[in-house]
PDB file of N, CA and C in Angstrom:
ATOM      1  N   MET A   1     -86.512  15.591  18.966  1.00  0.00           N
ATOM      2  CA  MET A   1     -85.156  15.325  18.527  1.00  0.00           C
ATOM      3  C   MET A   1     -84.193  15.734  19.636  1.00  0.00           C
ATOM      4  N   LYS A   2     -83.081  15.012  19.690  1.00  0.00           N
ATOM      5  CA  LYS A   2     -82.036  15.384  20.631  1.00  0.00           C
ATOM      6  C   LYS A   2     -80.936  16.116  19.881  1.00  0.00           C
ATOM      7  N   PHE A   3     -80.440  17.165  20.523  1.00  0.00           N
ATOM      8  CA  PHE A   3     -79.341  17.955  19.981  1.00  0.00           C
ATOM      9  C   PHE A   3     -78.245  18.065  21.018  1.00  0.00           C
ATOM     10  N   VAL A   4     -77.004  18.085  20.554  1.00  0.00           N
ATOM     11  CA  VAL A   4     -75.862  18.351  21.414  1.00  0.00           C
ATOM     12  C   VAL A   4     -75.462  19.795  21.168  1.00  0.00           C
ATOM     13  N   LEU A   5     -75.376  20.572  22.228  1.00  0.00           N
ATOM     14  CA  LEU A   5     -74.937  21.951  22.141  1.00  0.00           C
ATOM     15  C   LEU A   5     -73.514  22.012  22.680  1.00  0.00           C
ATOM     16  N   LEU A   6     -72.568  22.331  21.809  1.00  0.00           N
ATOM     17  CA  LEU A   6     -71.163  22.457  22.198  1.00  0.00           C
ATOM     18  C   LEU A   6     -70.881  23.933  22.452  1.00  0.00           C
ATOM     19  N   ILE A   7     -70.388  24.228  23.630  1.00  0.00           N
ATOM     20  CA  ILE A   7     -70.180  25.617  24.043  1.00  0.00           C
ATOM     21  C   ILE A   7     -68.705  25.963  23.904  1.00  0.00           C
ATOM     22  N   TYR A   8     -68.427  26.894  23.017  1.00  0.00           N
ATOM     23  CA  TYR A   8     -67.069  27.410  22.840  1.00  0.00           C
ATOM     24  C   TYR A   8     -67.001  28.754  23.552  1.00  0.00           C
ATOM     25  N   GLN A   9     -66.127  28.869  24.517  1.00  0.00           N
ATOM     26  CA  GLN A   9     -66.038  30.092  25.300  1.00  0.00           C
ATOM     27  C   GLN A   9     -65.439  31.249  24.496  1.00  0.00           C
ATOM     28  N   GLY A  10     -64.593  30.955  23.514  1.00  0.00           N
ATOM     29  CA  GLY A  10     -63.978  32.033  22.747  1.00  0.00           C
ATOM     30  C   GLY A  10     -63.232  32.974  23.672  1.00  0.00           C
ATOM     31  N   TYR A  11     -63.446  34.249  23.513  1.00  0.00           N
ATOM     32  CA  TYR A  11     -62.780  35.207  24.396  1.00  0.00           C
ATOM     33  C   TYR A  11     -63.699  35.689  25.514  1.00  0.00           C
ATOM     34  N   SER A  12     -64.785  34.946  25.768  1.00  0.00           N
ATOM     35  CA  SER A  12     -65.656  35.332  26.882  1.00  0.00           C
ATOM     36  C   SER A  12     -64.889  35.132  28.195  1.00  0.00           C
ATOM     37  N   PRO A  13     -65.109  36.017  29.148  1.00  0.00           N
ATOM     38  CA  PRO A  13     -64.355  35.943  30.405  1.00  0.00           C
ATOM     39  C   PRO A  13     -64.720  34.706  31.221  1.00  0.00           C
ATOM     40  N   LEU A  14     -63.700  34.050  31.745  1.00  0.00           N
ATOM     41  CA  LEU A  14     -63.891  32.858  32.578  1.00  0.00           C
ATOM     42  C   LEU A  14     -63.505  33.171  34.014  1.00  0.00           C
ATOM     43  N   PRO A  15     -64.253  32.629  34.992  1.00  0.00           N
ATOM     44  CA  PRO A  15     -63.883  32.853  36.390  1.00  0.00           C
ATOM     45  C   PRO A  15     -62.424  32.484  36.641  1.00  0.00           C
ATOM     46  N   GLY A  16     -61.771  33.317  37.431  1.00  0.00           N
ATOM     47  CA  GLY A  16     -60.374  33.075  37.769  1.00  0.00           C
ATOM     48  C   GLY A  16     -59.376  33.715  36.815  1.00  0.00           C
ATOM     49  N   THR A  17     -59.876  34.370  35.756  1.00  0.00           N
ATOM     50  CA  THR A  17     -58.976  35.031  34.806  1.00  0.00           C
ATOM     51  C   THR A  17     -59.000  36.535  35.045  1.00  0.00           C
ATOM     52  N   LYS A  18     -58.017  37.223  34.483  1.00  0.00           N
ATOM     53  CA  LYS A  18     -57.974  38.688  34.642  1.00  0.00           C
ATOM     54  C   LYS A  18     -59.173  39.345  33.955  1.00  0.00           C
ATOM     55  N   GLU A  19     -59.644  38.736  32.844  1.00  0.00           N
ATOM     56  CA  GLU A  19     -60.821  39.273  32.158  1.00  0.00           C
ATOM     57  C   GLU A  19     -62.065  39.195  33.054  1.00  0.00           C
ATOM     58  N   TRP A  20     -62.191  38.075  33.759  1.00  0.00           N
ATOM     59  CA  TRP A  20     -63.319  37.917  34.679  1.00  0.00           C
ATOM     60  C   TRP A  20     -63.206  38.916  35.823  1.00  0.00           C
ATOM     61  N   ASN A  21     -62.010  39.043  36.372  1.00  0.00           N
ATOM     62  CA  ASN A  21     -61.794  39.953  37.489  1.00  0.00           C
ATOM     63  C   ASN A  21     -62.020  41.409  37.091  1.00  0.00           C
ATOM     64  N   ALA A  22     -61.905  41.717  35.801  1.00  0.00           N
ATOM     65  CA  ALA A  22     -62.150  43.075  35.326  1.00  0.00           C
ATOM     66  C   ALA A  22     -63.635  43.416  35.295  1.00  0.00           C
ATOM     67  N   LEU A  23     -64.496  42.402  35.317  1.00  0.00           N
ATOM     68  CA  LEU A  23     -65.940  42.640  35.342  1.00  0.00           C
ATOM     69  C   LEU A  23     -66.358  43.114  36.726  1.00  0.00           C
ATOM     70  N   SER A  24     -67.395  43.902  36.764  1.00  0.00           N
ATOM     71  CA  SER A  24     -67.923  44.313  38.066  1.00  0.00           C
ATOM     72  C   SER A  24     -68.569  43.105  38.750  1.00  0.00           C
ATOM     73  N   ASN A  25     -68.737  43.221  40.038  1.00  0.00           N
ATOM     74  CA  ASN A  25     -69.383  42.154  40.805  1.00  0.00           C
ATOM     75  C   ASN A  25     -70.791  41.909  40.273  1.00  0.00           C
ATOM     76  N   GLU A  26     -71.486  42.976  39.881  1.00  0.00           N
ATOM     77  CA  GLU A  26     -72.840  42.860  39.348  1.00  0.00           C
ATOM     78  C   GLU A  26     -72.843  42.105  38.016  1.00  0.00           C
ATOM     79  N   GLU A  27     -71.848  42.401  37.161  1.00  0.00           N
ATOM     80  CA  GLU A  27     -71.755  41.697  35.873  1.00  0.00           C
ATOM     81  C   GLU A  27     -71.482  40.208  36.079  1.00  0.00           C
ATOM     82  N   GLN A  28     -70.599  39.887  37.008  1.00  0.00           N
ATOM     83  CA  GLN A  28     -70.302  38.488  37.308  1.00  0.00           C
ATOM     84  C   GLN A  28     -71.551  37.770  37.807  1.00  0.00           C
ATOM     85  N   LYS A  29     -72.261  38.389  38.723  1.00  0.00           N
ATOM     86  CA  LYS A  29     -73.489  37.790  39.266  1.00  0.00           C
ATOM     87  C   LYS A  29     -74.539  37.602  38.178  1.00  0.00           C
ATOM     88  N   ALA A  30     -74.629  38.566  37.262  1.00  0.00           N
ATOM     89  CA  ALA A  30     -75.609  38.467  36.171  1.00  0.00           C
ATOM     90  C   ALA A  30     -75.289  37.290  35.250  1.00  0.00           C
ATOM     91  N   ILE A  31     -74.016  37.073  34.971  1.00  0.00           N
ATOM     92  CA  ILE A  31     -73.619  35.936  34.117  1.00  0.00           C
ATOM     93  C   ILE A  31     -73.953  34.620  34.816  1.00  0.00           C
ATOM     94  N   TYR A  32     -73.601  34.512  36.098  1.00  0.00           N
ATOM     95  CA  TYR A  32     -73.956  33.306  36.848  1.00  0.00           C
ATOM     96  C   TYR A  32     -75.474  33.087  36.857  1.00  0.00           C
ATOM     97  N   ALA A  33     -76.229  34.162  37.048  1.00  0.00           N
ATOM     98  CA  ALA A  33     -77.687  34.051  37.078  1.00  0.00           C
ATOM     99  C   ALA A  33     -78.231  33.610  35.720  1.00  0.00           C
ATOM    100  N   ASP A  34     -77.639  34.121  34.634  1.00  0.00           N
ATOM    101  CA  ASP A  34     -78.076  33.715  33.293  1.00  0.00           C
ATOM    102  C   ASP A  34     -77.821  32.224  33.058  1.00  0.00           C
ATOM    103  N   TYR A  35     -76.651  31.728  33.478  1.00  0.00           N
ATOM    104  CA  TYR A  35     -76.371  30.294  33.340  1.00  0.00           C
ATOM    105  C   TYR A  35     -77.318  29.477  34.213  1.00  0.00           C
ATOM    106  N   ALA A  36     -77.587  29.939  35.424  1.00  0.00           N
ATOM    107  CA  ALA A  36     -78.494  29.209  36.318  1.00  0.00           C
ATOM    108  C   ALA A  36     -79.891  29.135  35.706  1.00  0.00           C
ATOM    109  N   GLU A  37     -80.354  30.229  35.132  1.00  0.00           N
ATOM    110  CA  GLU A  37     -81.675  30.244  34.494  1.00  0.00           C
ATOM    111  C   GLU A  37     -81.684  29.333  33.264  1.00  0.00           C
ATOM    112  N   PHE A  38     -80.616  29.399  32.474  1.00  0.00           N
ATOM    113  CA  PHE A  38     -80.507  28.543  31.289  1.00  0.00           C
ATOM    114  C   PHE A  38     -80.580  27.065  31.685  1.00  0.00           C
ATOM    115  N   ASN A  39     -79.929  26.693  32.779  1.00  0.00           N
ATOM    116  CA  ASN A  39     -79.900  25.297  33.212  1.00  0.00           C
ATOM    117  C   ASN A  39     -81.269  24.780  33.652  1.00  0.00           C
ATOM    118  N   LYS A  40     -82.250  25.670  33.818  1.00  0.00           N
ATOM    119  CA  LYS A  40     -83.615  25.266  34.156  1.00  0.00           C
ATOM    120  C   LYS A  40     -84.459  24.990  32.915  1.00  0.00           C
ATOM    121  N   THR A  41     -83.883  25.130  31.730  1.00  0.00           N
ATOM    122  CA  THR A  41     -84.620  24.955  30.481  1.00  0.00           C
ATOM    123  C   THR A  41     -85.207  23.554  30.381  1.00  0.00           C
ATOM    124  N   ALA A  42     -86.484  23.472  30.053  1.00  0.00           N
ATOM    125  CA  ALA A  42     -87.139  22.174  29.871  1.00  0.00           C
ATOM    126  C   ALA A  42     -86.455  21.399  28.749  1.00  0.00           C
ATOM    127  N   GLY A  43     -86.209  20.123  28.973  1.00  0.00           N
ATOM    128  CA  GLY A  43     -85.591  19.270  27.966  1.00  0.00           C
ATOM    129  C   GLY A  43     -84.079  19.345  27.927  1.00  0.00           C
ATOM    130  N   LEU A  44     -83.473  20.091  28.858  1.00  0.00           N
ATOM    131  CA  LEU A  44     -82.019  20.281  28.872  1.00  0.00           C
ATOM    132  C   LEU A  44     -81.358  19.385  29.908  1.00  0.00           C
ATOM    133  N   VAL A  45     -80.295  18.713  29.509  1.00  0.00           N
ATOM    134  CA  VAL A  45     -79.456  17.945  30.427  1.00  0.00           C
ATOM    135  C   VAL A  45     -78.057  18.518  30.317  1.00  0.00           C
ATOM    136  N   SER A  46     -77.569  19.108  31.402  1.00  0.00           N
ATOM    137  CA  SER A  46     -76.239  19.703  31.390  1.00  0.00           C
ATOM    138  C   SER A  46     -75.176  18.620  31.359  1.00  0.00           C
ATOM    139  N   GLY A  47     -74.097  18.899  30.641  1.00  0.00           N
ATOM    140  CA  GLY A  47     -72.961  17.990  30.612  1.00  0.00           C
ATOM    141  C   GLY A  47     -72.078  18.202  31.828  1.00  0.00           C
ATOM    142  N   LEU A  48     -71.122  17.328  31.979  1.00  0.00           N
ATOM    143  CA  LEU A  48     -70.170  17.469  33.079  1.00  0.00           C
ATOM    144  C   LEU A  48     -69.288  18.684  32.833  1.00  0.00           C
ATOM    145  N   PRO A  49     -68.823  19.350  33.896  1.00  0.00           N
ATOM    146  CA  PRO A  49     -67.916  20.474  33.705  1.00  0.00           C
ATOM    147  C   PRO A  49     -66.607  19.989  33.057  1.00  0.00           C
ATOM    148  N   LEU A  50     -66.130  20.749  32.094  1.00  0.00           N
ATOM    149  CA  LEU A  50     -64.885  20.398  31.422  1.00  0.00           C
ATOM    150  C   LEU A  50     -63.757  21.256  31.978  1.00  0.00           C
ATOM    151  N   GLY A  51     -62.570  20.657  32.094  1.00  0.00           N
ATOM    152  CA  GLY A  51     -61.400  21.411  32.517  1.00  0.00           C
ATOM    153  C   GLY A  51     -60.982  22.404  31.443  1.00  0.00           C
ATOM    154  N   LEU A  52     -60.047  23.256  31.777  1.00  0.00           N
ATOM    155  CA  LEU A  52     -59.571  24.264  30.834  1.00  0.00           C
ATOM    156  C   LEU A  52     -58.799  23.620  29.685  1.00  0.00           C
ATOM    157  N   PRO A  53     -58.848  24.223  28.504  1.00  0.00           N
ATOM    158  CA  PRO A  53     -58.191  23.641  27.331  1.00  0.00           C
ATOM    159  C   PRO A  53     -56.692  23.404  27.501  1.00  0.00           C
ATOM    160  N   ASN A  54     -56.009  24.237  28.291  1.00  0.00           N
ATOM    161  CA  ASN A  54     -54.558  24.082  28.420  1.00  0.00           C
ATOM    162  C   ASN A  54     -54.142  22.846  29.207  1.00  0.00           C
ATOM    163  N   VAL A  55     -55.078  22.184  29.869  1.00  0.00           N
ATOM    164  CA  VAL A  55     -54.742  20.945  30.575  1.00  0.00           C
ATOM    165  C   VAL A  55     -55.252  19.711  29.827  1.00  0.00           C
ATOM    166  N   ALA A  56     -55.867  19.930  28.676  1.00  0.00           N
ATOM    167  CA  ALA A  56     -56.350  18.806  27.864  1.00  0.00           C
ATOM    168  C   ALA A  56     -55.166  18.055  27.262  1.00  0.00           C
ATOM    169  N   LYS A  57     -55.379  16.824  26.932  1.00  0.00           N
ATOM    170  CA  LYS A  57     -54.412  16.017  26.178  1.00  0.00           C
ATOM    171  C   LYS A  57     -55.112  15.543  24.909  1.00  0.00           C
ATOM    172  N   THR A  58     -54.441  15.653  23.798  1.00  0.00           N
ATOM    173  CA  THR A  58     -54.979  15.201  22.526  1.00  0.00           C
ATOM    174  C   THR A  58     -54.139  14.026  22.050  1.00  0.00           C
ATOM    175  N   VAL A  59     -54.788  12.933  21.709  1.00  0.00           N
ATOM    176  CA  VAL A  59     -54.102  11.715  21.286  1.00  0.00           C
ATOM    177  C   VAL A  59     -54.425  11.445  19.822  1.00  0.00           C
ATOM    178  N   GLN A  60     -53.382  11.206  19.046  1.00  0.00           N
ATOM    179  CA  GLN A  60     -53.524  10.746  17.665  1.00  0.00           C
ATOM    180  C   GLN A  60     -52.585   9.566  17.490  1.00  0.00           C
ATOM    181  N   VAL A  61     -53.003   8.617  16.680  1.00  0.00           N
ATOM    182  CA  VAL A  61     -52.156   7.454  16.408  1.00  0.00           C
ATOM    183  C   VAL A  61     -51.546   7.637  15.028  1.00  0.00           C
ATOM    184  N   ARG A  62     -50.232   7.636  14.996  1.00  0.00           N
ATOM    185  CA  ARG A  62     -49.491   7.780  13.744  1.00  0.00           C
ATOM    186  C   ARG A  62     -48.500   6.621  13.638  1.00  0.00           C
ATOM    187  N   ASN A  63     -48.540   5.960  12.493  1.00  0.00           N
ATOM    188  CA  ASN A  63     -47.674   4.800  12.272  1.00  0.00           C
ATOM    189  C   ASN A  63     -47.824   3.772  13.388  1.00  0.00           C
ATOM    190  N   GLY A  64     -49.067   3.620  13.856  1.00  0.00           N
ATOM    191  CA  GLY A  64     -49.359   2.617  14.871  1.00  0.00           C
ATOM    192  C   GLY A  64     -48.987   2.996  16.286  1.00  0.00           C
ATOM    193  N   LYS A  65     -48.479   4.211  16.505  1.00  0.00           N
ATOM    194  CA  LYS A  65     -48.052   4.634  17.848  1.00  0.00           C
ATOM    195  C   LYS A  65     -48.812   5.890  18.266  1.00  0.00           C
ATOM    196  N   PRO A  66     -49.242   5.915  19.537  1.00  0.00           N
ATOM    197  CA  PRO A  66     -49.942   7.100  20.003  1.00  0.00           C
ATOM    198  C   PRO A  66     -49.004   8.291  20.161  1.00  0.00           C
ATOM    199  N   GLU A  67     -49.454   9.436  19.674  1.00  0.00           N
ATOM    200  CA  GLU A  67     -48.750  10.694  19.898  1.00  0.00           C
ATOM    201  C   GLU A  67     -49.667  11.554  20.764  1.00  0.00           C
ATOM    202  N   VAL A  68     -49.118  12.114  21.812  1.00  0.00           N
ATOM    203  CA  VAL A  68     -49.906  12.895  22.753  1.00  0.00           C
ATOM    204  C   VAL A  68     -49.367  14.320  22.786  1.00  0.00           C
ATOM    205  N   LYS A  69     -50.281  15.282  22.655  1.00  0.00           N
ATOM    206  CA  LYS A  69     -49.890  16.681  22.797  1.00  0.00           C
ATOM    207  C   LYS A  69     -50.747  17.314  23.875  1.00  0.00           C
ATOM    208  N   THR A  70     -50.214  18.317  24.510  1.00  0.00           N
ATOM    209  CA  THR A  70     -50.967  19.064  25.501  1.00  0.00           C
ATOM    210  C   THR A  70     -51.814  20.096  24.785  1.00  0.00           C
ATOM    211  N   GLY A  71     -53.057  20.188  25.182  1.00  0.00           N
ATOM    212  CA  GLY A  71     -53.972  21.144  24.580  1.00  0.00           C
ATOM    213  C   GLY A  71     -55.041  20.447  23.771  1.00  0.00           C
ATOM    214  N   THR A  72     -55.887  21.242  23.156  1.00  0.00           N
ATOM    215  CA  THR A  72     -57.013  20.722  22.400  1.00  0.00           C
ATOM    216  C   THR A  72     -56.615  20.419  20.963  1.00  0.00           C
ATOM    217  N   TYR A  73     -57.419  19.637  20.303  1.00  0.00           N
ATOM    218  CA  TYR A  73     -57.173  19.288  18.901  1.00  0.00           C
ATOM    219  C   TYR A  73     -57.295  20.524  18.023  1.00  0.00           C
ATOM    220  N   MET A  74     -58.350  21.264  18.212  1.00  0.00           N
ATOM    221  CA  MET A  74     -58.558  22.523  17.495  1.00  0.00           C
ATOM    222  C   MET A  74     -58.021  23.647  18.383  1.00  0.00           C
ATOM    223  N   PRO A  75     -57.618  24.758  17.791  1.00  0.00           N
ATOM    224  CA  PRO A  75     -57.054  25.839  18.600  1.00  0.00           C
ATOM    225  C   PRO A  75     -57.951  26.272  19.754  1.00  0.00           C
ATOM    226  N   GLU A  76     -59.243  26.310  19.518  1.00  0.00           N
ATOM    227  CA  GLU A  76     -60.162  26.684  20.584  1.00  0.00           C
ATOM    228  C   GLU A  76     -60.945  25.441  20.989  1.00  0.00           C
ATOM    229  N   GLY A  77     -60.731  24.986  22.200  1.00  0.00           N
ATOM    230  CA  GLY A  77     -61.413  23.786  22.650  1.00  0.00           C
ATOM    231  C   GLY A  77     -62.835  24.053  23.096  1.00  0.00           C
ATOM    232  N   VAL A  78     -63.583  23.002  23.227  1.00  0.00           N
ATOM    233  CA  VAL A  78     -64.957  23.083  23.730  1.00  0.00           C
ATOM    234  C   VAL A  78     -64.893  23.391  25.221  1.00  0.00           C
ATOM    235  N   GLY A  79     -65.686  24.352  25.659  1.00  0.00           N
ATOM    236  CA  GLY A  79     -65.707  24.722  27.066  1.00  0.00           C
ATOM    237  C   GLY A  79     -66.755  23.958  27.857  1.00  0.00           C
ATOM    238  N   GLY A  80     -67.741  23.423  27.177  1.00  0.00           N
ATOM    239  CA  GLY A  80     -68.801  22.679  27.840  1.00  0.00           C
ATOM    240  C   GLY A  80     -69.786  22.158  26.814  1.00  0.00           C
ATOM    241  N   TYR A  81     -70.757  21.413  27.288  1.00  0.00           N
ATOM    242  CA  TYR A  81     -71.764  20.855  26.391  1.00  0.00           C
ATOM    243  C   TYR A  81     -73.027  20.563  27.183  1.00  0.00           C
ATOM    244  N   CYS A  82     -74.107  20.396  26.464  1.00  0.00           N
ATOM    245  CA  CYS A  82     -75.356  19.942  27.064  1.00  0.00           C
ATOM    246  C   CYS A  82     -76.156  19.211  25.999  1.00  0.00           C
ATOM    247  N   ILE A  83     -77.120  18.456  26.445  1.00  0.00           N
ATOM    248  CA  ILE A  83     -78.014  17.718  25.558  1.00  0.00           C
ATOM    249  C   ILE A  83     -79.385  18.373  25.676  1.00  0.00           C
ATOM    250  N   LEU A  84     -80.001  18.634  24.537  1.00  0.00           N
ATOM    251  CA  LEU A  84     -81.287  19.301  24.526  1.00  0.00           C
ATOM    252  C   LEU A  84     -82.292  18.482  23.734  1.00  0.00           C
ATOM    253  N   GLU A  85     -83.437  18.253  24.320  1.00  0.00           N
ATOM    254  CA  GLU A  85     -84.568  17.644  23.623  1.00  0.00           C
ATOM    255  C   GLU A  85     -85.420  18.803  23.119  1.00  0.00           C
ATOM    256  N   ALA A  86     -85.526  18.931  21.795  1.00  0.00           N
ATOM    257  CA  ALA A  86     -86.282  20.031  21.199  1.00  0.00           C
ATOM    258  C   ALA A  86     -87.051  19.516  19.990  1.00  0.00           C
ATOM    259  N   ASP A  87     -88.082  20.240  19.606  1.00  0.00           N
ATOM    260  CA  ASP A  87     -88.921  19.828  18.480  1.00  0.00           C
ATOM    261  C   ASP A  87     -88.188  19.887  17.149  1.00  0.00           C
ATOM    262  N   ASN A  88     -87.284  20.870  16.998  1.00  0.00           N
ATOM    263  CA  ASN A  88     -86.598  21.059  15.724  1.00  0.00           C
ATOM    264  C   ASN A  88     -85.361  21.925  15.922  1.00  0.00           C
ATOM    265  N   ILE A  89     -84.603  22.121  14.864  1.00  0.00           N
ATOM    266  CA  ILE A  89     -83.355  22.893  14.943  1.00  0.00           C
ATOM    267  C   ILE A  89     -83.635  24.347  15.305  1.00  0.00           C
ATOM    268  N   GLU A  90     -84.742  24.890  14.834  1.00  0.00           N
ATOM    269  CA  GLU A  90     -85.071  26.275  15.161  1.00  0.00           C
ATOM    270  C   GLU A  90     -85.254  26.456  16.671  1.00  0.00           C
ATOM    271  N   ALA A  91     -85.897  25.498  17.299  1.00  0.00           N
ATOM    272  CA  ALA A  91     -86.071  25.556  18.751  1.00  0.00           C
ATOM    273  C   ALA A  91     -84.724  25.428  19.456  1.00  0.00           C
ATOM    274  N   ALA A  92     -83.849  24.580  18.925  1.00  0.00           N
ATOM    275  CA  ALA A  92     -82.511  24.426  19.507  1.00  0.00           C
ATOM    276  C   ALA A  92     -81.713  25.720  19.372  1.00  0.00           C
ATOM    277  N   VAL A  93     -81.832  26.400  18.227  1.00  0.00           N
ATOM    278  CA  VAL A  93     -81.150  27.679  18.032  1.00  0.00           C
ATOM    279  C   VAL A  93     -81.650  28.707  19.047  1.00  0.00           C
ATOM    280  N   ALA A  94     -82.947  28.733  19.279  1.00  0.00           N
ATOM    281  CA  ALA A  94     -83.513  29.679  20.243  1.00  0.00           C
ATOM    282  C   ALA A  94     -82.947  29.435  21.643  1.00  0.00           C
ATOM    283  N   VAL A  95     -82.812  28.166  22.026  1.00  0.00           N
ATOM    284  CA  VAL A  95     -82.247  27.844  23.343  1.00  0.00           C
ATOM    285  C   VAL A  95     -80.761  28.193  23.368  1.00  0.00           C
ATOM    286  N   ALA A  96     -80.028  27.830  22.328  1.00  0.00           N
ATOM    287  CA  ALA A  96     -78.584  28.096  22.280  1.00  0.00           C
ATOM    288  C   ALA A  96     -78.284  29.586  22.376  1.00  0.00           C
ATOM    289  N   SER A  97     -79.154  30.408  21.835  1.00  0.00           N
ATOM    290  CA  SER A  97     -78.915  31.850  21.865  1.00  0.00           C
ATOM    291  C   SER A  97     -79.012  32.428  23.273  1.00  0.00           C
ATOM    292  N   ARG A  98     -79.544  31.655  24.207  1.00  0.00           N
ATOM    293  CA  ARG A  98     -79.642  32.103  25.601  1.00  0.00           C
ATOM    294  C   ARG A  98     -78.392  31.786  26.412  1.00  0.00           C
ATOM    295  N   ILE A  99     -77.474  31.010  25.870  1.00  0.00           N
ATOM    296  CA  ILE A  99     -76.256  30.659  26.598  1.00  0.00           C
ATOM    297  C   ILE A  99     -75.352  31.893  26.632  1.00  0.00           C
ATOM    298  N   PRO A 100     -74.950  32.350  27.822  1.00  0.00           N
ATOM    299  CA  PRO A 100     -74.158  33.570  27.907  1.00  0.00           C
ATOM    300  C   PRO A 100     -72.914  33.594  27.028  1.00  0.00           C
ATOM    301  N   ALA A 101     -72.239  32.480  26.869  1.00  0.00           N
ATOM    302  CA  ALA A 101     -71.020  32.460  26.046  1.00  0.00           C
ATOM    303  C   ALA A 101     -71.288  32.945  24.624  1.00  0.00           C
ATOM    304  N   ALA A 102     -72.505  32.738  24.131  1.00  0.00           N
ATOM    305  CA  ALA A 102     -72.838  33.123  22.758  1.00  0.00           C
ATOM    306  C   ALA A 102     -72.794  34.637  22.567  1.00  0.00           C
ATOM    307  N   ARG A 103     -73.054  35.397  23.625  1.00  0.00           N
ATOM    308  CA  ARG A 103     -73.039  36.859  23.506  1.00  0.00           C
ATOM    309  C   ARG A 103     -71.788  37.492  24.103  1.00  0.00           C
ATOM    310  N   LEU A 104     -70.964  36.692  24.773  1.00  0.00           N
ATOM    311  CA  LEU A 104     -69.789  37.230  25.459  1.00  0.00           C
ATOM    312  C   LEU A 104     -68.482  36.928  24.731  1.00  0.00           C
ATOM    313  N   GLY A 105     -68.557  36.556  23.458  1.00  0.00           N
ATOM    314  CA  GLY A 105     -67.335  36.322  22.696  1.00  0.00           C
ATOM    315  C   GLY A 105     -67.117  34.888  22.279  1.00  0.00           C
ATOM    316  N   GLY A 106     -68.025  34.009  22.623  1.00  0.00           N
ATOM    317  CA  GLY A 106     -67.911  32.611  22.234  1.00  0.00           C
ATOM    318  C   GLY A 106     -68.941  32.260  21.180  1.00  0.00           C
ATOM    319  N   ALA A 107     -69.217  30.976  21.064  1.00  0.00           N
ATOM    320  CA  ALA A 107     -70.192  30.496  20.087  1.00  0.00           C
ATOM    321  C   ALA A 107     -70.738  29.160  20.566  1.00  0.00           C
ATOM    322  N   ILE A 108     -71.910  28.816  20.039  1.00  0.00           N
ATOM    323  CA  ILE A 108     -72.541  27.540  20.361  1.00  0.00           C
ATOM    324  C   ILE A 108     -72.710  26.759  19.062  1.00  0.00           C
ATOM    325  N   GLU A 109     -72.187  25.551  19.045  1.00  0.00           N
ATOM    326  CA  GLU A 109     -72.360  24.661  17.894  1.00  0.00           C
ATOM    327  C   GLU A 109     -73.472  23.680  18.238  1.00  0.00           C
ATOM    328  N   ILE A 110     -74.413  23.518  17.329  1.00  0.00           N
ATOM    329  CA  ILE A 110     -75.542  22.601  17.550  1.00  0.00           C
ATOM    330  C   ILE A 110     -75.415  21.445  16.569  1.00  0.00           C
ATOM    331  N   ARG A 111     -75.477  20.233  17.094  1.00  0.00           N
ATOM    332  CA  ARG A 111     -75.464  19.046  16.243  1.00  0.00           C
ATOM    333  C   ARG A 111     -76.603  18.125  16.640  1.00  0.00           C
ATOM    334  N   PRO A 112     -77.293  17.561  15.653  1.00  0.00           N
ATOM    335  CA  PRO A 112     -78.282  16.551  15.993  1.00  0.00           C
ATOM    336  C   PRO A 112     -77.568  15.349  16.615  1.00  0.00           C
ATOM    337  N   ALA A 113     -78.172  14.775  17.628  1.00  0.00           N
ATOM    338  CA  ALA A 113     -77.627  13.551  18.210  1.00  0.00           C
ATOM    339  C   ALA A 113     -78.060  12.396  17.311  1.00  0.00           C
ATOM    340  N   GLU A 114     -77.124  11.649  16.844  1.00  0.00           N
ATOM    341  CA  GLU A 114     -77.392  10.550  15.912  1.00  0.00           C
ATOM    342  C   GLU A 114     -76.969   9.230  16.544  1.00  0.00           C
ATOM    343  N   GLN A 115     -77.559   8.172  16.103  1.00  0.00           N
ATOM    344  CA  GLN A 115     -77.142   6.841  16.516  1.00  0.00           C
ATOM    345  C   GLN A 115     -76.663   6.097  15.275  1.00  0.00           C
ATOM    346  N   TYR A 116     -75.381   5.768  15.263  1.00  0.00           N
ATOM    347  CA  TYR A 116     -74.786   5.148  14.086  1.00  0.00           C
ATOM    348  C   TYR A 116     -74.607   3.635  14.237  1.00  0.00           C
ATOM    349  N   TRP A 117     -74.740   3.121  15.423  1.00  0.00           N
ATOM    350  CA  TRP A 117     -74.543   1.683  15.618  1.00  0.00           C
ATOM    351  C   TRP A 117     -75.664   1.096  16.410  1.00  0.00           C
TER     352      TRP A 117
END
């Protein structure tokens, strides 16, 4: 089965922020190493890097006209995603639990990849 793993950064520190800069060099390197190791997971296809939520544009059509707002649709936007080929949801949960954001203040949403058309 294919699963989409949506990575929500939450309050996990992001490179270039004061929270990230507050981490020791060793902690920063460990996080990078954990992501690098995670990206070697069998059956995993990493998604494209996503920009920061504050530069996102959200479009909704109201009364036939597009309305555009700056930022994400939900208060906390998705920070990244990947596609995982796994035997079942339990296996997907095991892989998702290895994503550093899951332990650093964020969360991982897992959805089965479906084909509707």
